[in-house]
């Protein structure tokens, strides 16, 4: 749990549809323990740390995929830990499921020490390297913000970064068909 999860979060995004244009696979569910033979178009890995922020980004993402009538398979899974663990866990998911594209979602809020600088740079570089190593586009959905309010604004209805990530995902999927 983080400080963000304790703040007023009424501007965060909720899921608005139980019937979607795409197939949603929740890899946290026991129902989907062995789907390695199933083709997955998109895998989204989101961090447990700053959970409400990350969940809002995820909801904005999924809602936008539905609005745009995406019709493929989307797998989601919540990661233990924070942003630092996302690249290595995303690597394992890409190896296992071979998606067309992946999105990692997390949130790093600046504190009083240099830890923010080191963590932000390390995670950003690792995500970029992962994308090149796996030859799979990996979108960096890790917010690096100066304050709790910035995180809420970017994850919530004010800026809706999840919707933005969904738009980029669909553009990359469409572009990839030409390659």
Foldseek 3Di string as FASTA:
>chain_A
DDPLVVDDQPQFADADDPDALEAEAECVDPVPVDCLVPAAAEEEEEEPVSPSLQNSLQNLQRNLCRVVSPYYYYYYYYDYDFLQPPLVVVLVVCVRRVHQAYEYAGEQEDDDDCPLVVSVVNSVVSQVVSCVVSVHHYHYNYHRYHDSVVSSCCSGDNNSVSSVVNVVSVVVVVVVVVD
